[in-house]
Amino acid sequence: MNRSDPVLVVTMKDDPTADLVIRELHDRGTRVVRLDSGDFPSTLSFAAYLTPDGIEGSLTTPTRTANLARVRSLFYRRPSGFAFPHLLEQDARFALTQARYGLGGVIASLPGCLYVNHPHRIGDSEFKPSGLAAATTAGFRVPATLITSDPSAARSFIKEHGPVLYKPLSTPLYRINGVSCTVEVRDVTAEEIDDRVSGTAHLFQHRIDKASDVRVTVIGDRVFAVRIDSDLLDWRTDYDRLTYSVVQPPRHITAALFRYLSLFGLVFGAFDFAIDQAGTWWFLECNPSGQWAWLEHETGLPMVAAMADLLERNST
């Protein structure tokens, strides 16, 4: 690899975390090509050829061109997604699938490229049941969990394992009166369960009597653990009420972090743990595209530099 081999950054236009990493790479003299899949095909084009050595060709934005055979690494963050609003519904659906499997397939097949993370591996690991199963395999302690559409099973689980939380299996964006919001994690009782549970899948989980939360961010071979103290059930609902302190994970937790990432083929992960009153670490989830840059501002941990090192392939 040399300085002319670019880092490809795939994300939406409004991504402060990517902005910080790109600035660090620029300061180091490393070429960066940034793109959003939502820019295709209006301001983003590509030509990819299948050769005996794999994919070759070029990808072009309004200001940069990347040699597809020379991309050193790809930082896959949060692209806005393909959209064809100028087409009729049926035509737009066809164009979207062609873009997804065409450009998306090329981006996922770059020879010799380090993916942080590979989009297919991200997709695999975002399924909560898969993540929880992998967590037990990796050696983490996981709270008792039920995923169900059966109201009777839900009531029985709550009675046996209470207190119990309801957690969304995914968090699509809602707008209420024009205001963005998400479905929150919250306590649930058996009396609240009715036949509406049968309408879709739900996740119920024993609520840990926690002393604190910990966010552990793994970037390549670097581990950054931050204790988060608050009086909140879900600390992500009010960042102004949080306090932070750097901690060192127990050795068995560190080993399990890398086993978990290996199971999904990931090199980055943002892990959330609840620490109970006895000091036991309980796995809650791992986000393969999670936010982390705000923790550097709060703690001084060199996380942006670690990500730049990984994308430059100075660490693995």
Protein backbone atom coordinates (compact mmCIF):
# COMPACT_ATOMS: atom_id res chain seq x y z
CA MET A 1 0.00 0.00 0.00
CA ASN A 2 1.12 3.57 -0.67
CA ARG A 3 -0.26 7.06 -0.09
CA SER A 4 -1.93 7.14 -3.52
CA ASP A 5 -4.13 4.16 -2.59
CA PRO A 6 -7.33 5.72 -1.28
CA VAL A 7 -9.50 5.05 1.71
CA LEU A 8 -13.12 4.80 0.58
CA VAL A 9 -15.64 6.29 3.04
CA VAL A 10 -19.27 5.33 2.42
CA THR A 11 -21.70 7.40 4.46
CA MET A 12 -24.36 10.09 4.37
CA LYS A 13 -23.47 13.76 4.06
CA ASP A 14 -24.25 14.54 7.72
CA ASP A 15 -21.87 12.25 9.62
CA PRO A 16 -19.69 14.06 12.19
CA THR A 17 -17.85 10.86 13.10
CA ALA A 18 -16.77 10.29 9.50
CA ASP A 19 -15.82 13.98 9.25
CA LEU A 20 -13.35 13.60 12.13
CA VAL A 21 -11.76 10.48 10.67
CA ILE A 22 -11.48 12.02 7.20
CA ARG A 23 -9.84 15.13 8.63
CA GLU A 24 -7.31 12.96 10.47
CA LEU A 25 -6.52 11.01 7.30
CA HIS A 26 -6.16 14.22 5.29
CA ASP A 27 -3.76 15.60 7.90
CA ARG A 28 -1.67 12.44 7.48
CA GLY A 29 -1.57 12.86 3.70
CA THR A 30 -3.77 9.82 3.00
CA ARG A 31 -6.14 10.04 0.03
CA VAL A 32 -9.82 9.74 0.86
CA VAL A 33 -12.75 9.28 -1.50
CA ARG A 34 -16.08 9.89 0.19
CA LEU A 35 -19.41 8.88 -1.30
CA ASP A 36 -23.02 8.33 -0.40
CA SER A 37 -25.05 5.71 -2.22
CA GLY A 38 -27.81 8.30 -2.38
CA ASP A 39 -25.62 10.24 -4.83
CA PHE A 40 -25.97 7.47 -7.43
CA PRO A 41 -26.49 7.97 -10.30
CA SER A 42 -26.82 11.78 -10.29
CA THR A 43 -23.27 12.65 -9.14
CA LEU A 44 -21.69 9.23 -8.68
CA SER A 45 -20.71 6.86 -11.47
CA PHE A 46 -18.64 3.70 -11.81
CA ALA A 47 -17.29 1.20 -14.32
CA ALA A 48 -16.22 -2.17 -12.96
CA TYR A 49 -14.65 -5.02 -14.92
CA LEU A 50 -14.29 -8.61 -13.80
CA THR A 51 -10.73 -9.82 -14.46
CA PRO A 52 -8.69 -12.86 -13.38
CA ASP A 53 -7.43 -10.72 -10.48
CA GLY A 54 -10.91 -9.66 -9.40
CA ILE A 55 -12.73 -6.34 -9.77
CA GLU A 56 -10.97 -3.56 -11.65
CA GLY A 57 -12.18 -0.19 -12.88
CA SER A 58 -13.04 3.18 -11.37
CA LEU A 59 -15.55 4.98 -9.22
CA THR A 60 -16.02 8.71 -9.75
CA THR A 61 -17.49 11.46 -7.57
CA PRO A 62 -17.63 15.16 -8.49
CA THR A 63 -14.17 15.71 -6.95
CA ARG A 64 -12.42 12.33 -6.77
CA THR A 65 -11.78 9.14 -8.72
CA ALA A 66 -10.92 5.84 -7.02
CA ASN A 67 -9.14 2.96 -8.73
CA LEU A 68 -11.26 0.02 -7.58
CA ALA A 69 -8.29 -2.35 -7.64
CA ARG A 70 -6.25 -0.06 -5.37
CA VAL A 71 -8.66 0.81 -2.55
CA ARG A 72 -6.72 0.11 0.64
CA SER A 73 -9.72 0.13 2.98
CA LEU A 74 -13.42 0.93 3.07
CA PHE A 75 -15.02 2.69 6.03
CA TYR A 76 -18.70 1.73 5.78
CA ARG A 77 -20.73 4.00 8.01
CA ARG A 78 -24.31 5.10 7.36
CA PRO A 79 -25.11 5.76 3.69
CA SER A 80 -28.52 7.24 2.95
CA GLY A 81 -29.48 4.50 0.49
CA PHE A 82 -30.42 4.43 -3.16
CA ALA A 83 -33.44 6.47 -4.27
CA PHE A 84 -35.05 7.18 -7.63
CA PRO A 85 -37.84 9.66 -6.84
CA HIS A 86 -38.07 10.83 -10.46
CA LEU A 87 -39.22 7.40 -11.64
CA LEU A 88 -42.60 5.71 -11.47
CA GLU A 89 -42.92 3.26 -8.56
CA GLN A 90 -42.35 0.09 -10.57
CA ASP A 91 -39.44 1.59 -12.52
CA ALA A 92 -37.92 2.98 -9.33
CA ARG A 93 -38.12 -0.44 -7.68
CA PHE A 94 -36.32 -2.00 -10.63
CA ALA A 95 -33.63 0.74 -10.71
CA LEU A 96 -33.09 0.43 -6.96
CA THR A 97 -32.50 -3.32 -7.10
CA GLN A 98 -30.09 -2.91 -10.02
CA ALA A 99 -28.15 -0.27 -8.08
CA ARG A 100 -28.10 -2.34 -4.91
CA TYR A 101 -26.85 -5.50 -6.55
CA GLY A 102 -24.67 -3.66 -9.08
CA LEU A 103 -22.88 -0.82 -7.31
CA GLY A 104 -23.51 -2.41 -3.92
CA GLY A 105 -22.07 -5.69 -5.13
CA VAL A 106 -18.97 -3.99 -6.55
CA ILE A 107 -18.33 -2.08 -3.32
CA ALA A 108 -18.61 -5.37 -1.41
CA SER A 109 -16.09 -7.15 -3.69
CA LEU A 110 -12.99 -4.95 -3.79
CA PRO A 111 -9.78 -7.04 -4.01
CA GLY A 112 -7.34 -6.72 -1.13
CA CYS A 113 -9.55 -4.19 0.65
CA LEU A 114 -9.88 -4.01 4.44
CA TYR A 115 -13.55 -3.46 5.32
CA VAL A 116 -14.48 -1.54 8.46
CA ASN A 117 -16.91 -3.23 8.42
CA HIS A 118 -17.97 -5.27 5.39
CA PRO A 119 -21.58 -4.30 4.56
CA HIS A 120 -22.71 -7.93 4.37
CA ARG A 121 -21.18 -8.71 7.76
CA ILE A 122 -22.87 -5.61 9.18
CA GLY A 123 -26.18 -6.91 7.87
CA ASP A 124 -25.64 -10.32 9.45
CA SER A 125 -24.72 -8.94 12.87
CA GLU A 126 -27.56 -6.40 13.07
CA PHE A 127 -30.07 -9.19 13.73
CA LYS A 128 -30.49 -9.10 17.51
CA PRO A 129 -31.21 -12.83 17.89
CA SER A 130 -27.98 -13.61 16.02
CA GLY A 131 -26.03 -11.16 18.16
CA LEU A 132 -27.36 -12.57 21.42
CA ALA A 133 -26.65 -16.15 20.32
CA ALA A 134 -23.11 -15.16 19.27
CA ALA A 135 -22.60 -13.41 22.60
CA THR A 136 -23.27 -16.62 24.53
CA THR A 137 -20.94 -18.52 22.18
CA ALA A 138 -18.24 -15.89 22.69
CA GLY A 139 -18.45 -16.28 26.47
CA PHE A 140 -20.46 -13.25 27.58
CA ARG A 141 -23.20 -13.42 30.18
CA VAL A 142 -26.52 -12.52 28.55
CA PRO A 143 -29.73 -11.67 30.46
CA ALA A 144 -32.64 -14.08 30.08
CA THR A 145 -34.31 -13.20 26.79
CA LEU A 146 -37.51 -14.10 24.94
CA ILE A 147 -38.30 -13.23 21.31
CA THR A 148 -41.93 -14.02 20.56
CA SER A 149 -45.26 -13.20 18.98
CA ASP A 150 -47.12 -15.30 21.57
CA PRO A 151 -48.86 -13.27 24.32
CA SER A 152 -49.01 -16.27 26.66
CA ALA A 153 -45.29 -16.91 26.31
CA ALA A 154 -44.60 -13.24 26.98
CA ARG A 155 -46.73 -13.18 30.16
CA SER A 156 -45.14 -16.38 31.46
CA PHE A 157 -41.65 -15.07 30.77
CA ILE A 158 -42.32 -11.80 32.59
CA LYS A 159 -43.72 -13.59 35.62
CA GLU A 160 -40.68 -15.90 35.76
CA HIS A 161 -37.92 -13.41 34.98
CA GLY A 162 -39.27 -10.06 36.15
CA PRO A 163 -38.40 -7.26 36.18
CA VAL A 164 -38.46 -7.39 32.37
CA LEU A 165 -37.76 -4.83 29.67
CA TYR A 166 -39.33 -4.52 26.26
CA LYS A 167 -36.73 -3.74 23.56
CA PRO A 168 -37.37 -3.08 19.86
CA LEU A 169 -35.64 -5.59 17.61
CA SER A 170 -34.72 -2.72 15.31
CA THR A 171 -35.14 1.04 15.60
CA PRO A 172 -36.70 2.58 12.51
CA LEU A 173 -37.28 6.32 12.60
CA TYR A 174 -40.71 7.53 13.65
CA ARG A 175 -42.08 11.05 13.19
CA ILE A 176 -44.82 12.29 15.51
CA ASN A 177 -46.11 15.76 14.69
CA GLY A 178 -43.01 16.26 12.57
CA VAL A 179 -40.62 15.38 15.42
CA SER A 180 -38.22 12.45 15.02
CA CYS A 181 -38.41 9.81 17.75
CA THR A 182 -37.74 6.13 18.29
CA VAL A 183 -39.38 3.33 20.24
CA GLU A 184 -37.76 3.35 23.68
CA VAL A 185 -36.61 0.52 25.89
CA ARG A 186 -38.97 0.34 28.87
CA ASP A 187 -40.21 -1.83 31.73
CA VAL A 188 -43.18 -4.03 30.96
CA THR A 189 -45.52 -6.02 33.22
CA ALA A 190 -47.51 -9.17 32.53
CA GLU A 191 -50.73 -7.19 32.90
CA GLU A 192 -49.77 -4.98 29.95
CA ILE A 193 -49.49 -7.93 27.57
CA ASP A 194 -52.53 -8.41 25.34
CA ASP A 195 -53.34 -9.96 21.98
CA ARG A 196 -51.60 -7.12 20.12
CA VAL A 197 -48.34 -8.94 20.82
CA SER A 198 -49.39 -11.51 18.22
CA GLY A 199 -49.20 -8.82 15.53
CA THR A 200 -45.41 -8.97 15.14
CA ALA A 201 -42.19 -10.08 16.85
CA HIS A 202 -41.15 -8.64 20.21
CA LEU A 203 -38.06 -8.92 22.41
CA PHE A 204 -38.38 -9.18 26.18
CA GLN A 205 -35.34 -9.31 28.45
CA HIS A 206 -34.67 -9.52 32.17
CA ARG A 207 -33.70 -6.10 33.50
CA ILE A 208 -30.31 -6.13 35.21
CA ASP A 209 -30.13 -4.26 38.52
CA LYS A 210 -27.30 -2.18 37.18
CA ALA A 211 -24.73 -0.04 38.93
CA SER A 212 -23.59 1.50 35.65
CA ASP A 213 -23.36 1.03 31.92
CA VAL A 214 -20.19 0.52 29.88
CA ARG A 215 -19.66 1.26 26.20
CA VAL A 216 -16.70 -0.70 24.81
CA THR A 217 -15.50 0.29 21.35
CA VAL A 218 -13.18 -2.10 19.53
CA ILE A 219 -11.23 -0.57 16.64
CA GLY A 220 -8.99 -3.18 15.04
CA ASP A 221 -6.81 -4.47 17.87
CA ARG A 222 -7.55 -1.49 20.17
CA VAL A 223 -10.12 -1.62 22.98
CA PHE A 224 -11.62 1.56 24.47
CA ALA A 225 -13.92 1.10 27.46
CA VAL A 226 -15.90 3.93 29.02
CA ARG A 227 -18.10 3.65 32.09
CA ILE A 228 -21.32 5.66 31.76
CA ASP A 229 -23.07 6.68 34.96
CA SER A 230 -26.62 8.01 35.07
CA ASP A 231 -30.00 7.41 36.67
CA LEU A 232 -31.51 6.44 33.33
CA LEU A 233 -32.93 3.10 32.24
CA ASP A 234 -31.54 3.76 28.74
CA TRP A 235 -28.62 6.20 28.81
CA ARG A 236 -29.08 7.05 25.11
CA THR A 237 -32.27 8.99 25.88
CA ASP A 238 -30.53 11.97 27.55
CA TYR A 239 -26.81 12.58 26.99
CA ASP A 240 -26.84 15.67 29.22
CA ARG A 241 -27.35 13.49 32.30
CA LEU A 242 -24.34 11.23 31.70
CA THR A 243 -20.91 11.18 33.33
CA TYR A 244 -17.97 9.28 31.88
CA SER A 245 -14.87 7.53 33.18
CA VAL A 246 -12.29 5.33 31.44
CA VAL A 247 -12.18 1.73 32.70
CA GLN A 248 -10.22 -1.41 31.93
CA PRO A 249 -12.38 -4.43 31.01
CA PRO A 250 -11.70 -7.73 32.78
CA ARG A 251 -9.42 -10.00 30.75
CA HIS A 252 -12.17 -12.53 30.05
CA ILE A 253 -14.37 -9.73 28.65
CA THR A 254 -11.59 -8.51 26.36
CA ALA A 255 -11.04 -12.04 25.05
CA ALA A 256 -14.78 -12.46 24.44
CA LEU A 257 -14.92 -9.16 22.52
CA PHE A 258 -12.55 -10.48 19.88
CA ARG A 259 -14.25 -13.90 19.78
CA TYR A 260 -17.57 -12.16 19.12
CA LEU A 261 -16.18 -9.98 16.32
CA SER A 262 -14.50 -13.00 14.75
CA LEU A 263 -17.80 -14.89 14.65
CA PHE A 264 -19.22 -12.18 12.36
CA GLY A 265 -16.03 -11.27 10.51
CA LEU A 266 -15.97 -7.74 11.98
CA VAL A 267 -13.00 -5.51 12.85
CA PHE A 268 -15.03 -2.81 14.59
CA GLY A 269 -17.82 -3.00 17.13
CA ALA A 270 -19.54 -0.76 19.67
CA PHE A 271 -20.52 -3.00 22.59
CA ASP A 272 -22.96 -2.11 25.36
CA PHE A 273 -22.81 -3.75 28.78
CA ALA A 274 -24.73 -3.38 32.03
CA ILE A 275 -22.65 -3.80 35.19
CA ASP A 276 -24.68 -5.15 38.09
CA GLN A 277 -24.32 -4.38 41.78
CA ALA A 278 -21.90 -7.31 42.18
CA GLY A 279 -19.66 -6.05 39.36
CA THR A 280 -20.73 -8.65 36.78
CA TRP A 281 -20.63 -7.56 33.13
CA TRP A 282 -23.81 -8.38 31.20
CA PHE A 283 -23.82 -8.20 27.40
CA LEU A 284 -26.65 -6.12 25.94
CA GLU A 285 -25.73 -5.63 22.28
CA CYS A 286 -23.02 -4.88 19.75
CA ASN A 287 -23.62 -2.28 17.05
CA PRO A 288 -21.37 -2.90 14.01
CA SER A 289 -21.88 0.72 12.87
CA GLY A 290 -22.23 2.35 16.28
CA GLN A 291 -21.37 5.91 17.25
CA TRP A 292 -18.20 6.46 19.24
CA ALA A 293 -16.51 9.78 18.41
CA TRP A 294 -18.28 11.74 21.17
CA LEU A 295 -16.48 9.56 23.71
CA GLU A 296 -13.10 10.94 22.61
CA HIS A 297 -14.33 14.46 23.39
CA GLU A 298 -15.59 13.32 26.81
CA THR A 299 -12.56 11.22 27.82
CA GLY A 300 -9.57 12.14 25.67
CA LEU A 301 -9.19 8.57 24.41
CA PRO A 302 -7.36 8.56 21.02
CA MET A 303 -10.16 6.84 19.13
CA VAL A 304 -10.07 8.91 15.93
CA ALA A 305 -6.34 8.24 15.58
CA ALA A 306 -6.97 4.52 16.18
CA MET A 307 -9.57 4.44 13.41
CA ALA A 308 -7.23 6.31 11.05
CA ASP A 309 -4.46 3.82 11.89
CA LEU A 310 -6.78 0.94 11.05
CA LEU A 311 -7.93 2.46 7.77
CA GLU A 312 -4.33 3.19 6.81
CA ARG A 313 -3.68 -0.45 7.67
CA ASN A 314 -1.11 0.44 10.29
CA SER A 315 -2.91 -1.96 12.61
CA THR A 316 -5.18 -4.95 12.04
